[in-house]
Amino acid sequence: MTTSSFLTVDLPCDMALQATRKKLTQTGLRALQTFDLHTVRHIQQDCPCPNHGTADCDCQMIVLMVYGETPEPVTLILHGSDGQTRFSIGDDPSQQADRKLVASIKQALEIKVAVSV
């Protein structure tokens, strides 16, 4: 799976997640959270962070499966650290993300994109 960041916001990941869920819902999209790095880190003791060490780490990664009108979801990844959150779309070459759904997600997050049909 490949990812490419398309948006960075000056919000911690938990606040960016709340805003994202609200915006997606307002546009008729549904999001199912499938991963939360904080949950995994709490299971492992002394989980080292390559950027901050263990005690000062504020890194967070959240994975959402976003559903629209098509049966297949799009993977939306939020990666937060140092008070910022970066958004990426996961794309698997063997199962391409629906371009209209990707455009709808970006539009919901107020990113203007051109849709080619």
N, C-alpha and C. Protein backbone atom coordinates (compact mmCIF):
# COMPACT_ATOMS: atom_id res chain seq x y z
N MET A 1 0.85 -1.18 0.00
CA MET A 1 0.00 0.00 0.00
C MET A 1 0.89 1.24 0.00
N THR A 2 0.54 2.18 -0.83
CA THR A 2 1.27 3.45 -0.87
C THR A 2 0.38 4.54 -0.30
N THR A 3 1.03 5.57 0.24
CA THR A 3 0.30 6.71 0.75
C THR A 3 0.98 7.98 0.30
N SER A 4 0.19 9.03 0.15
CA SER A 4 0.77 10.33 -0.14
C SER A 4 -0.04 11.37 0.62
N SER A 5 0.68 12.20 1.34
CA SER A 5 0.03 13.22 2.15
C SER A 5 -0.57 14.28 1.25
N PHE A 6 -1.82 14.68 1.54
CA PHE A 6 -2.47 15.70 0.73
C PHE A 6 -2.91 16.91 1.54
N LEU A 7 -2.77 16.84 2.87
CA LEU A 7 -3.22 17.94 3.71
C LEU A 7 -2.49 17.89 5.03
N THR A 8 -2.09 19.05 5.54
CA THR A 8 -1.53 19.17 6.88
C THR A 8 -2.28 20.28 7.59
N VAL A 9 -2.72 20.00 8.82
CA VAL A 9 -3.43 21.00 9.61
C VAL A 9 -2.69 21.22 10.92
N ASP A 10 -2.81 22.43 11.45
CA ASP A 10 -2.18 22.77 12.72
C ASP A 10 -3.10 22.43 13.88
N LEU A 11 -3.39 21.15 14.02
CA LEU A 11 -4.21 20.62 15.10
C LEU A 11 -3.61 19.31 15.57
N PRO A 12 -3.67 19.04 16.89
CA PRO A 12 -3.28 17.70 17.35
C PRO A 12 -4.20 16.66 16.73
N CYS A 13 -3.73 15.45 16.63
CA CYS A 13 -4.46 14.40 15.91
C CYS A 13 -5.86 14.16 16.48
N ASP A 14 -6.03 14.19 17.81
CA ASP A 14 -7.36 13.93 18.37
C ASP A 14 -8.36 15.01 17.96
N MET A 15 -7.93 16.26 17.91
CA MET A 15 -8.82 17.34 17.47
C MET A 15 -9.08 17.25 15.97
N ALA A 16 -8.05 16.90 15.20
CA ALA A 16 -8.22 16.74 13.75
C ALA A 16 -9.18 15.58 13.46
N LEU A 17 -9.12 14.52 14.25
CA LEU A 17 -10.03 13.38 14.07
C LEU A 17 -11.47 13.81 14.30
N GLN A 18 -11.73 14.57 15.36
CA GLN A 18 -13.09 15.03 15.65
C GLN A 18 -13.63 15.88 14.50
N ALA A 19 -12.81 16.81 14.02
CA ALA A 19 -13.23 17.67 12.91
C ALA A 19 -13.46 16.85 11.64
N THR A 20 -12.60 15.87 11.40
CA THR A 20 -12.72 15.02 10.22
C THR A 20 -14.01 14.21 10.24
N ARG A 21 -14.29 13.59 11.37
CA ARG A 21 -15.53 12.80 11.50
C ARG A 21 -16.76 13.68 11.23
N LYS A 22 -16.75 14.89 11.79
CA LYS A 22 -17.88 15.82 11.61
C LYS A 22 -18.04 16.20 10.14
N LYS A 23 -16.94 16.55 9.49
CA LYS A 23 -17.01 16.97 8.09
C LYS A 23 -17.43 15.82 7.18
N LEU A 24 -16.92 14.63 7.43
CA LEU A 24 -17.30 13.48 6.61
C LEU A 24 -18.78 13.17 6.77
N THR A 25 -19.26 13.18 8.01
CA THR A 25 -20.68 12.91 8.28
C THR A 25 -21.58 13.95 7.62
N GLN A 26 -21.18 15.21 7.68
CA GLN A 26 -21.97 16.29 7.08
C GLN A 26 -22.12 16.12 5.58
N THR A 27 -21.19 15.43 4.95
CA THR A 27 -21.25 15.24 3.50
C THR A 27 -21.78 13.85 3.12
N GLY A 28 -22.31 13.11 4.09
CA GLY A 28 -22.91 11.82 3.80
C GLY A 28 -21.94 10.66 3.73
N LEU A 29 -20.71 10.86 4.16
CA LEU A 29 -19.73 9.77 4.17
C LEU A 29 -19.69 9.16 5.57
N ARG A 30 -19.35 7.88 5.64
CA ARG A 30 -19.26 7.18 6.92
C ARG A 30 -17.82 6.75 7.15
N ALA A 31 -17.34 6.92 8.39
CA ALA A 31 -15.97 6.55 8.73
C ALA A 31 -15.96 5.52 9.85
N LEU A 32 -15.20 4.46 9.65
CA LEU A 32 -15.02 3.42 10.63
C LEU A 32 -13.55 3.42 11.04
N GLN A 33 -13.28 3.66 12.31
CA GLN A 33 -11.90 3.68 12.78
C GLN A 33 -11.42 2.25 12.97
N THR A 34 -10.27 1.93 12.35
CA THR A 34 -9.75 0.56 12.42
C THR A 34 -8.41 0.46 13.14
N PHE A 35 -7.77 1.60 13.44
CA PHE A 35 -6.47 1.57 14.11
C PHE A 35 -6.26 2.85 14.88
N ASP A 36 -5.64 2.73 16.05
CA ASP A 36 -5.28 3.87 16.90
C ASP A 36 -3.93 3.55 17.53
N LEU A 37 -2.91 4.29 17.15
CA LEU A 37 -1.55 4.04 17.64
C LEU A 37 -1.47 4.14 19.16
N HIS A 38 -2.20 5.07 19.78
CA HIS A 38 -2.15 5.21 21.23
C HIS A 38 -2.59 3.93 21.92
N THR A 39 -3.60 3.27 21.39
CA THR A 39 -4.07 2.01 21.97
C THR A 39 -2.97 0.96 21.90
N VAL A 40 -2.32 0.85 20.78
CA VAL A 40 -1.25 -0.13 20.60
C VAL A 40 -0.07 0.21 21.50
N ARG A 41 0.28 1.49 21.58
CA ARG A 41 1.43 1.89 22.41
C ARG A 41 1.20 1.59 23.87
N HIS A 42 -0.04 1.71 24.36
CA HIS A 42 -0.32 1.44 25.76
C HIS A 42 -0.21 -0.04 26.08
N ILE A 43 -0.37 -0.89 25.08
CA ILE A 43 -0.24 -2.33 25.28
C ILE A 43 1.24 -2.69 25.45
N GLN A 44 2.11 -2.04 24.68
CA GLN A 44 3.54 -2.31 24.76
C GLN A 44 4.19 -1.32 25.73
N GLN A 45 4.97 -1.83 26.62
CA GLN A 45 5.66 -0.96 27.55
C GLN A 45 6.95 -0.45 26.91
N ASP A 46 7.29 0.79 27.22
CA ASP A 46 8.52 1.41 26.71
C ASP A 46 8.62 1.35 25.20
N CYS A 47 7.50 1.65 24.53
CA CYS A 47 7.49 1.68 23.07
C CYS A 47 8.32 2.88 22.60
N PRO A 48 9.46 2.64 21.96
CA PRO A 48 10.32 3.76 21.58
C PRO A 48 9.80 4.52 20.36
N CYS A 49 9.95 5.82 20.41
CA CYS A 49 9.59 6.66 19.27
C CYS A 49 10.90 7.14 18.64
N PRO A 50 11.07 6.96 17.33
CA PRO A 50 12.31 7.40 16.69
C PRO A 50 12.46 8.92 16.67
N ASN A 51 11.35 9.66 16.88
CA ASN A 51 11.42 11.12 16.84
C ASN A 51 11.52 11.78 18.21
N HIS A 52 10.88 11.19 19.22
CA HIS A 52 10.78 11.85 20.51
C HIS A 52 11.28 11.04 21.70
N GLY A 53 11.67 9.82 21.51
CA GLY A 53 11.97 8.96 22.65
C GLY A 53 10.66 8.42 23.20
N THR A 54 10.68 7.89 24.39
CA THR A 54 9.49 7.26 24.95
C THR A 54 8.61 8.24 25.71
N ALA A 55 9.16 9.00 26.61
CA ALA A 55 8.35 9.84 27.51
C ALA A 55 7.71 11.03 26.81
N ASP A 56 8.39 11.64 25.86
CA ASP A 56 7.91 12.87 25.24
C ASP A 56 7.14 12.66 23.95
N CYS A 57 6.86 11.45 23.59
CA CYS A 57 6.23 11.16 22.30
C CYS A 57 4.76 11.60 22.29
N ASP A 58 4.43 12.40 21.29
CA ASP A 58 3.02 12.77 21.08
C ASP A 58 2.54 12.27 19.70
N CYS A 59 3.29 11.34 19.12
CA CYS A 59 2.92 10.81 17.81
C CYS A 59 1.62 10.02 17.92
N GLN A 60 0.81 10.15 16.89
CA GLN A 60 -0.45 9.42 16.82
C GLN A 60 -0.71 9.06 15.37
N MET A 61 -1.26 7.89 15.15
CA MET A 61 -1.70 7.48 13.82
C MET A 61 -3.06 6.84 13.98
N ILE A 62 -3.99 7.31 13.17
CA ILE A 62 -5.34 6.78 13.17
C ILE A 62 -5.69 6.40 11.74
N VAL A 63 -6.28 5.23 11.60
CA VAL A 63 -6.70 4.76 10.27
C VAL A 63 -8.22 4.68 10.25
N LEU A 64 -8.80 5.33 9.26
CA LEU A 64 -10.25 5.30 9.06
C LEU A 64 -10.55 4.64 7.72
N MET A 65 -11.56 3.80 7.71
CA MET A 65 -12.10 3.29 6.47
C MET A 65 -13.30 4.17 6.18
N VAL A 66 -13.26 4.89 5.06
CA VAL A 66 -14.32 5.84 4.72
C VAL A 66 -15.19 5.23 3.62
N TYR A 67 -16.49 5.20 3.89
CA TYR A 67 -17.45 4.62 2.96
C TYR A 67 -18.33 5.71 2.36
N GLY A 68 -18.60 5.55 1.07
CA GLY A 68 -19.51 6.43 0.36
C GLY A 68 -20.59 5.58 -0.26
N GLU A 69 -20.87 5.81 -1.53
CA GLU A 69 -21.91 5.04 -2.23
C GLU A 69 -21.40 3.71 -2.76
N THR A 70 -20.10 3.58 -2.95
CA THR A 70 -19.54 2.33 -3.46
C THR A 70 -19.32 1.36 -2.31
N PRO A 71 -19.32 0.06 -2.58
CA PRO A 71 -19.16 -0.91 -1.50
C PRO A 71 -17.75 -0.93 -0.89
N GLU A 72 -16.76 -0.53 -1.67
CA GLU A 72 -15.38 -0.55 -1.18
C GLU A 72 -15.02 0.79 -0.53
N PRO A 73 -14.42 0.75 0.66
CA PRO A 73 -14.03 2.00 1.33
C PRO A 73 -12.69 2.52 0.82
N VAL A 74 -12.39 3.73 1.23
CA VAL A 74 -11.08 4.33 1.00
C VAL A 74 -10.40 4.44 2.36
N THR A 75 -9.11 4.14 2.42
CA THR A 75 -8.35 4.22 3.66
C THR A 75 -7.82 5.64 3.82
N LEU A 76 -8.24 6.29 4.91
CA LEU A 76 -7.79 7.63 5.25
C LEU A 76 -6.92 7.52 6.49
N ILE A 77 -5.68 8.02 6.40
CA ILE A 77 -4.72 7.91 7.49
C ILE A 77 -4.42 9.31 8.03
N LEU A 78 -4.55 9.45 9.34
CA LEU A 78 -4.19 10.69 10.03
C LEU A 78 -2.93 10.39 10.83
N HIS A 79 -1.89 11.18 10.61
CA HIS A 79 -0.63 10.99 11.32
C HIS A 79 -0.28 12.30 12.01
N GLY A 80 -0.33 12.29 13.33
CA GLY A 80 -0.09 13.51 14.08
C GLY A 80 1.18 13.46 14.89
N SER A 81 1.83 14.63 15.00
CA SER A 81 2.98 14.82 15.89
C SER A 81 3.27 16.31 15.96
N ASP A 82 3.80 16.71 17.10
CA ASP A 82 4.22 18.10 17.31
C ASP A 82 3.10 19.10 17.01
N GLY A 83 1.86 18.75 17.37
CA GLY A 83 0.74 19.67 17.21
C GLY A 83 0.19 19.79 15.80
N GLN A 84 0.64 18.95 14.89
CA GLN A 84 0.15 18.97 13.51
C GLN A 84 -0.36 17.59 13.14
N THR A 85 -1.28 17.56 12.16
CA THR A 85 -1.78 16.29 11.64
C THR A 85 -1.70 16.31 10.12
N ARG A 86 -1.13 15.23 9.58
CA ARG A 86 -1.04 15.04 8.13
C ARG A 86 -2.06 13.98 7.71
N PHE A 87 -2.72 14.24 6.60
CA PHE A 87 -3.73 13.34 6.06
C PHE A 87 -3.19 12.66 4.80
N SER A 88 -3.43 11.36 4.69
CA SER A 88 -3.02 10.59 3.51
C SER A 88 -4.14 9.64 3.13
N ILE A 89 -4.13 9.27 1.87
CA ILE A 89 -5.03 8.25 1.36
C ILE A 89 -4.17 7.02 1.06
N GLY A 90 -4.59 5.88 1.59
CA GLY A 90 -3.89 4.63 1.27
C GLY A 90 -4.36 4.12 -0.07
N ASP A 91 -3.43 3.70 -0.90
CA ASP A 91 -3.79 3.21 -2.23
C ASP A 91 -3.00 1.93 -2.50
N ASP A 92 -3.72 0.88 -2.78
CA ASP A 92 -3.12 -0.42 -3.07
C ASP A 92 -3.21 -0.64 -4.57
N PRO A 93 -2.08 -0.85 -5.25
CA PRO A 93 -2.11 -1.03 -6.70
C PRO A 93 -3.02 -2.18 -7.15
N SER A 94 -3.18 -3.20 -6.32
CA SER A 94 -4.04 -4.32 -6.72
C SER A 94 -5.52 -4.02 -6.49
N GLN A 95 -5.82 -2.96 -5.72
CA GLN A 95 -7.21 -2.57 -5.46
C GLN A 95 -7.26 -1.05 -5.37
N GLN A 96 -7.34 -0.41 -6.52
CA GLN A 96 -7.31 1.04 -6.59
C GLN A 96 -8.48 1.67 -5.84
N ALA A 97 -8.19 2.74 -5.11
CA ALA A 97 -9.24 3.48 -4.40
C ALA A 97 -10.15 4.17 -5.42
N ASP A 98 -11.43 4.18 -5.13
CA ASP A 98 -12.41 4.83 -6.00
C ASP A 98 -12.11 6.33 -6.04
N ARG A 99 -11.81 6.84 -7.23
CA ARG A 99 -11.40 8.24 -7.40
C ARG A 99 -12.49 9.23 -7.01
N LYS A 100 -13.75 8.88 -7.27
CA LYS A 100 -14.84 9.78 -6.88
C LYS A 100 -14.94 9.87 -5.36
N LEU A 101 -14.76 8.74 -4.68
CA LEU A 101 -14.81 8.74 -3.22
C LEU A 101 -13.62 9.51 -2.65
N VAL A 102 -12.45 9.33 -3.24
CA VAL A 102 -11.27 10.10 -2.80
C VAL A 102 -11.55 11.59 -2.97
N ALA A 103 -12.12 11.98 -4.11
CA ALA A 103 -12.43 13.39 -4.35
C ALA A 103 -13.46 13.89 -3.35
N SER A 104 -14.45 13.06 -3.00
CA SER A 104 -15.46 13.44 -2.02
C SER A 104 -14.84 13.65 -0.64
N ILE A 105 -13.89 12.79 -0.27
CA ILE A 105 -13.21 12.93 1.01
C ILE A 105 -12.42 14.24 1.04
N LYS A 106 -11.66 14.49 -0.01
CA LYS A 106 -10.86 15.71 -0.06
C LYS A 106 -11.75 16.94 -0.07
N GLN A 107 -12.86 16.87 -0.77
CA GLN A 107 -13.79 18.00 -0.81
C GLN A 107 -14.40 18.21 0.58
N ALA A 108 -14.74 17.13 1.27
CA ALA A 108 -15.30 17.24 2.62
C ALA A 108 -14.31 17.90 3.57
N LEU A 109 -13.04 17.65 3.33
CA LEU A 109 -11.99 18.24 4.16
C LEU A 109 -11.53 19.57 3.60
N GLU A 110 -12.31 20.12 2.66
CA GLU A 110 -12.10 21.43 2.06
C GLU A 110 -10.82 21.52 1.23
N ILE A 111 -10.55 20.46 0.51
CA ILE A 111 -9.44 20.44 -0.41
C ILE A 111 -10.05 20.39 -1.81
N LYS A 112 -9.77 21.38 -2.60
CA LYS A 112 -10.35 21.45 -3.94
C LYS A 112 -9.53 20.56 -4.88
N VAL A 113 -10.23 19.63 -5.52
CA VAL A 113 -9.58 18.73 -6.46
C VAL A 113 -10.37 18.64 -7.74
N ALA A 114 -9.70 18.29 -8.80
CA ALA A 114 -10.39 18.08 -10.08
C ALA A 114 -10.76 16.62 -10.17
N VAL A 115 -11.98 16.33 -10.54
CA VAL A 115 -12.45 14.96 -10.67
C VAL A 115 -12.55 14.64 -12.16
N SER A 116 -11.85 13.60 -12.58
CA SER A 116 -11.97 13.17 -13.98
C SER A 116 -12.84 11.94 -14.01
N VAL A 117 -13.87 11.97 -14.81
CA VAL A 117 -14.81 10.86 -14.88
C VAL A 117 -14.62 10.10 -16.17
